[in-house]
C-alpha atoms as a PDB file:
ATOM      1  CA  UNK A   1     -49.369 -12.745  58.495  1.00  0.00           C
ATOM      2  CA  UNK A   2     -50.330 -13.722  55.386  1.00  0.00           C
ATOM      3  CA  UNK A   3     -49.236 -17.513  54.395  1.00  0.00           C
ATOM      4  CA  UNK A   4     -50.165 -16.897  50.618  1.00  0.00           C
ATOM      5  CA  UNK A   5     -47.476 -14.265  49.212  1.00  0.00           C
ATOM      6  CA  UNK A   6     -46.294 -14.038  45.740  1.00  0.00           C
ATOM      7  CA  UNK A   7     -43.353 -16.492  46.091  1.00  0.00           C
ATOM      8  CA  UNK A   8     -46.362 -19.155  46.978  1.00  0.00           C
ATOM      9  CA  UNK A   9     -48.375 -18.135  44.650  1.00  0.00           C
ATOM     10  CA  UNK A  10     -44.939 -18.802  41.713  1.00  0.00           C
ATOM     11  CA  UNK A  11     -44.336 -21.941  43.390  1.00  0.00           C
ATOM     12  CA  UNK A  12     -48.154 -23.401  43.389  1.00  0.00           C
ATOM     13  CA  UNK A  13     -48.641 -21.867  39.333  1.00  0.00           C
ATOM     14  CA  UNK A  14     -45.294 -23.708  38.326  1.00  0.00           C
ATOM     15  CA  UNK A  15     -45.847 -27.074  40.309  1.00  0.00           C
ATOM     16  CA  UNK A  16     -49.566 -27.383  39.687  1.00  0.00           C
ATOM     17  CA  UNK A  17     -48.164 -26.587  36.104  1.00  0.00           C
ATOM     18  CA  UNK A  18     -45.563 -29.181  35.574  1.00  0.00           C
ATOM     19  CA  UNK A  19     -45.774 -31.325  38.972  1.00  0.00           C
ATOM     20  CA  UNK A  20     -42.062 -29.894  39.750  1.00  0.00           C
ATOM     21  CA  UNK A  21     -41.551 -29.869  43.694  1.00  0.00           C
ATOM     22  CA  UNK A  22     -39.941 -27.070  45.959  1.00  0.00           C
ATOM     23  CA  UNK A  23     -36.148 -28.374  45.205  1.00  0.00           C
ATOM     24  CA  UNK A  24     -36.748 -28.290  41.175  1.00  0.00           C
ATOM     25  CA  UNK A  25     -38.235 -25.053  40.708  1.00  0.00           C
ATOM     26  CA  UNK A  26     -35.271 -23.627  43.366  1.00  0.00           C
ATOM     27  CA  UNK A  27     -33.018 -25.035  41.368  1.00  0.00           C
ATOM     28  CA  UNK A  28     -34.078 -22.553  38.037  1.00  0.00           C
ATOM     29  CA  UNK A  29     -32.089 -19.210  37.560  1.00  0.00           C
ATOM     30  CA  UNK A  30     -34.681 -16.221  38.621  1.00  0.00           C
ATOM     31  CA  UNK A  31     -34.658 -15.410  35.129  1.00  0.00           C
ATOM     32  CA  UNK A  32     -35.843 -18.833  33.806  1.00  0.00           C
ATOM     33  CA  UNK A  33     -38.603 -18.995  36.588  1.00  0.00           C
ATOM     34  CA  UNK A  34     -39.665 -15.302  35.130  1.00  0.00           C
ATOM     35  CA  UNK A  35     -39.716 -16.799  31.774  1.00  0.00           C
ATOM     36  CA  UNK A  36     -41.881 -20.064  33.439  1.00  0.00           C
ATOM     37  CA  UNK A  37     -44.567 -18.057  33.898  1.00  0.00           C
ATOM     38  CA  UNK A  38     -44.874 -15.875  31.140  1.00  0.00           C
ATOM     39  CA  UNK A  39     -45.136 -19.141  29.170  1.00  0.00           C
ATOM     40  CA  UNK A  40     -48.019 -20.452  31.511  1.00  0.00           C
ATOM     41  CA  UNK A  41     -49.956 -17.350  31.729  1.00  0.00           C
ATOM     42  CA  UNK A  42     -49.713 -16.830  27.561  1.00  0.00           C
ATOM     43  CA  UNK A  43     -50.804 -20.641  27.634  1.00  0.00           C
ATOM     44  CA  UNK A  44     -53.703 -20.390  29.951  1.00  0.00           C
ATOM     45  CA  UNK A  45     -54.944 -16.472  28.400  1.00  0.00           C
ATOM     46  CA  UNK A  46     -55.385 -18.045  24.427  1.00  0.00           C
ATOM     47  CA  UNK A  47     -56.670 -21.147  26.365  1.00  0.00           C
ATOM     48  CA  UNK A  48     -59.455 -19.155  28.224  1.00  0.00           C
ATOM     49  CA  UNK A  49     -59.762 -17.315  24.783  1.00  0.00           C
ATOM     50  CA  UNK A  50     -60.551 -20.364  22.685  1.00  0.00           C
ATOM     51  CA  UNK A  51     -62.926 -21.584  25.645  1.00  0.00           C
ATOM     52  CA  UNK A  52     -64.793 -18.131  25.409  1.00  0.00           C
ATOM     53  CA  UNK A  53     -64.771 -18.466  21.794  1.00  0.00           C
ATOM     54  CA  UNK A  54     -65.822 -21.581  21.675  1.00  0.00           C
ATOM     55  CA  UNK A  55     -68.910 -20.615  24.665  1.00  0.00           C
ATOM     56  CA  UNK A  56     -69.661 -17.681  22.246  1.00  0.00           C
ATOM     57  CA  UNK A  57     -69.815 -20.397  18.795  1.00  0.00           C
ATOM     58  CA  UNK A  58     -72.136 -22.290  20.429  1.00  0.00           C
ATOM     59  CA  UNK A  59     -74.621 -19.963  21.860  1.00  0.00           C
ATOM     60  CA  UNK A  60     -74.781 -18.039  18.755  1.00  0.00           C
ATOM     61  CA  UNK A  61     -75.623 -21.319  16.893  1.00  0.00           C
ATOM     62  CA  UNK A  62     -78.545 -22.680  19.203  1.00  0.00           C
ATOM     63  CA  UNK A  63     -79.813 -19.426  19.502  1.00  0.00           C
ATOM     64  CA  UNK A  64     -79.985 -18.951  15.311  1.00  0.00           C
ATOM     65  CA  UNK A  65     -81.433 -22.155  15.239  1.00  0.00           C
ATOM     66  CA  UNK A  66     -83.862 -21.259  17.981  1.00  0.00           C
ATOM     67  CA  UNK A  67     -85.095 -18.061  16.337  1.00  0.00           C
ATOM     68  CA  UNK A  68     -85.071 -19.590  12.795  1.00  0.00           C
ATOM     69  CA  UNK A  69     -87.587 -21.981  14.077  1.00  0.00           C
ATOM     70  CA  UNK A  70     -89.367 -19.446  15.737  1.00  0.00           C
ATOM     71  CA  UNK A  71     -92.858 -19.152  15.215  1.00  0.00           C
ATOM     72  CA  UNK A  72     -92.176 -15.317  14.328  1.00  0.00           C
ATOM     73  CA  UNK A  73     -88.886 -16.143  12.827  1.00  0.00           C
ATOM     74  CA  UNK A  74     -87.573 -12.138  11.933  1.00  0.00           C
ATOM     75  CA  UNK A  75     -84.459 -10.577   9.922  1.00  0.00           C
ATOM     76  CA  UNK A  76     -83.947  -9.175  12.735  1.00  0.00           C
ATOM     77  CA  UNK A  77     -84.352 -11.870  15.356  1.00  0.00           C
ATOM     78  CA  UNK A  78     -82.043 -14.087  13.669  1.00  0.00           C
ATOM     79  CA  UNK A  79     -79.249 -10.646  13.318  1.00  0.00           C
ATOM     80  CA  UNK A  80     -79.254 -10.207  16.484  1.00  0.00           C
ATOM     81  CA  UNK A  81     -78.909 -13.962  17.223  1.00  0.00           C
ATOM     82  CA  UNK A  82     -76.283 -14.339  15.306  1.00  0.00           C
ATOM     83  CA  UNK A  83     -74.132 -11.547  16.739  1.00  0.00           C
ATOM     84  CA  UNK A  84     -74.360 -12.763  19.843  1.00  0.00           C
ATOM     85  CA  UNK A  85     -70.579 -12.357  21.966  1.00  0.00           C
ATOM     86  CA  UNK A  86     -69.868 -12.662  25.706  1.00  0.00           C
ATOM     87  CA  UNK A  87     -66.008 -12.254  24.456  1.00  0.00           C
ATOM     88  CA  UNK A  88     -64.777  -8.816  24.763  1.00  0.00           C
ATOM     89  CA  UNK A  89     -62.492  -9.051  22.219  1.00  0.00           C
ATOM     90  CA  UNK A  90     -64.324 -10.134  19.716  1.00  0.00           C
ATOM     91  CA  UNK A  91     -67.210  -7.982  20.679  1.00  0.00           C
ATOM     92  CA  UNK A  92     -65.283  -5.006  19.301  1.00  0.00           C
ATOM     93  CA  UNK A  93     -63.811  -6.712  16.645  1.00  0.00           C
ATOM     94  CA  UNK A  94     -67.423  -6.963  15.336  1.00  0.00           C
ATOM     95  CA  UNK A  95     -67.786  -3.224  15.916  1.00  0.00           C
ATOM     96  CA  UNK A  96     -64.859  -2.929  13.667  1.00  0.00           C
ATOM     97  CA  UNK A  97     -66.401  -3.976  10.902  1.00  0.00           C
ATOM     98  CA  UNK A  98     -67.854  -2.238   7.982  1.00  0.00           C
ATOM     99  CA  UNK A  99     -71.408  -3.461   8.046  1.00  0.00           C
ATOM    100  CA  UNK A 100     -74.873  -3.157   6.118  1.00  0.00           C
ATOM    101  CA  UNK A 101     -77.769  -2.205   8.376  1.00  0.00           C
ATOM    102  CA  UNK A 102     -79.769  -5.047   8.750  1.00  0.00           C
ATOM    103  CA  UNK A 103     -81.834  -3.688  11.158  1.00  0.00           C
ATOM    104  CA  UNK A 104     -82.445  -0.749  13.638  1.00  0.00           C
ATOM    105  CA  UNK A 105     -81.540  -1.681  16.739  1.00  0.00           C
ATOM    106  CA  UNK A 106     -80.049  -5.268  17.613  1.00  0.00           C
ATOM    107  CA  UNK A 107     -78.473  -6.220  20.736  1.00  0.00           C
ATOM    108  CA  UNK A 108     -75.000  -7.727  20.531  1.00  0.00           C
ATOM    109  CA  UNK A 109     -73.328  -7.924  23.872  1.00  0.00           C
ATOM    110  CA  UNK A 110     -74.357 -10.303  26.382  1.00  0.00           C
ATOM    111  CA  UNK A 111     -72.335  -8.274  29.575  1.00  0.00           C
ATOM    112  CA  UNK A 112     -73.592  -5.180  28.721  1.00  0.00           C
ATOM    113  CA  UNK A 113     -76.335  -5.131  25.871  1.00  0.00           C
ATOM    114  CA  UNK A 114     -75.579  -2.633  24.154  1.00  0.00           C
ATOM    115  CA  UNK A 115     -77.061  -2.039  20.358  1.00  0.00           C
ATOM    116  CA  UNK A 116     -75.301  -2.360  16.876  1.00  0.00           C
ATOM    117  CA  UNK A 117     -76.296  -3.277  13.579  1.00  0.00           C
ATOM    118  CA  UNK A 118     -74.532  -6.097  11.952  1.00  0.00           C
ATOM    119  CA  UNK A 119     -73.724  -8.434   8.883  1.00  0.00           C
ATOM    120  CA  UNK A 120     -77.673 -10.337   7.803  1.00  0.00           C
ATOM    121  CA  UNK A 121     -77.860 -13.832   8.851  1.00  0.00           C
ATOM    122  CA  UNK A 122     -75.737 -15.705   6.343  1.00  0.00           C
ATOM    123  CA  UNK A 123     -72.812 -13.367   6.526  1.00  0.00           C
ATOM    124  CA  UNK A 124     -72.694 -14.142  10.469  1.00  0.00           C
ATOM    125  CA  UNK A 125     -73.230 -18.052   9.921  1.00  0.00           C
ATOM    126  CA  UNK A 126     -69.953 -17.661   7.883  1.00  0.00           C
ATOM    127  CA  UNK A 127     -68.199 -16.197  10.448  1.00  0.00           C
ATOM    128  CA  UNK A 128     -69.722 -19.070  12.871  1.00  0.00           C
ATOM    129  CA  UNK A 129     -67.965 -21.444  10.658  1.00  0.00           C
ATOM    130  CA  UNK A 130     -64.559 -19.931   9.656  1.00  0.00           C
ATOM    131  CA  UNK A 131     -64.410 -18.924  14.089  1.00  0.00           C
ATOM    132  CA  UNK A 132     -64.353 -22.677  14.628  1.00  0.00           C
ATOM    133  CA  UNK A 133     -61.785 -23.333  11.403  1.00  0.00           C
ATOM    134  CA  UNK A 134     -59.262 -20.849  13.041  1.00  0.00           C
ATOM    135  CA  UNK A 135     -59.820 -22.548  16.714  1.00  0.00           C
ATOM    136  CA  UNK A 136     -59.304 -25.641  15.382  1.00  0.00           C
ATOM    137  CA  UNK A 137     -56.073 -24.464  13.204  1.00  0.00           C
ATOM    138  CA  UNK A 138     -57.627 -25.311  10.153  1.00  0.00           C
ATOM    139  CA  UNK A 139     -58.199 -21.762   8.927  1.00  0.00           C
END
């Protein structure tokens, strides 16, 4: 017997988000419950995306500083560091950009270790700054 079915999951989602008890949720129409679930899901996905973008930005920033400070700093290493990402959407967007080759092989995606060539260090740093401005609604 499965105690955690779809209705239990919906009630848990709504009550954990709004601190409503079962009676309050039961007083809502099915249409309203579906709207609430959609709104919660959309908000949570956006929050997760913002967290992934923040983590990607932090990772790129730390990697760029580390690469620049290293004894064997090179443009290829800087480009690699500038294009690290853990977010699939961000990775796909990097791939759509028209870029000028800087190095022959540059791993850019931590999950797949695919290779691609991206912008130079300065353009990547600018993109990081614009990502952060957009993340905080300042762009």
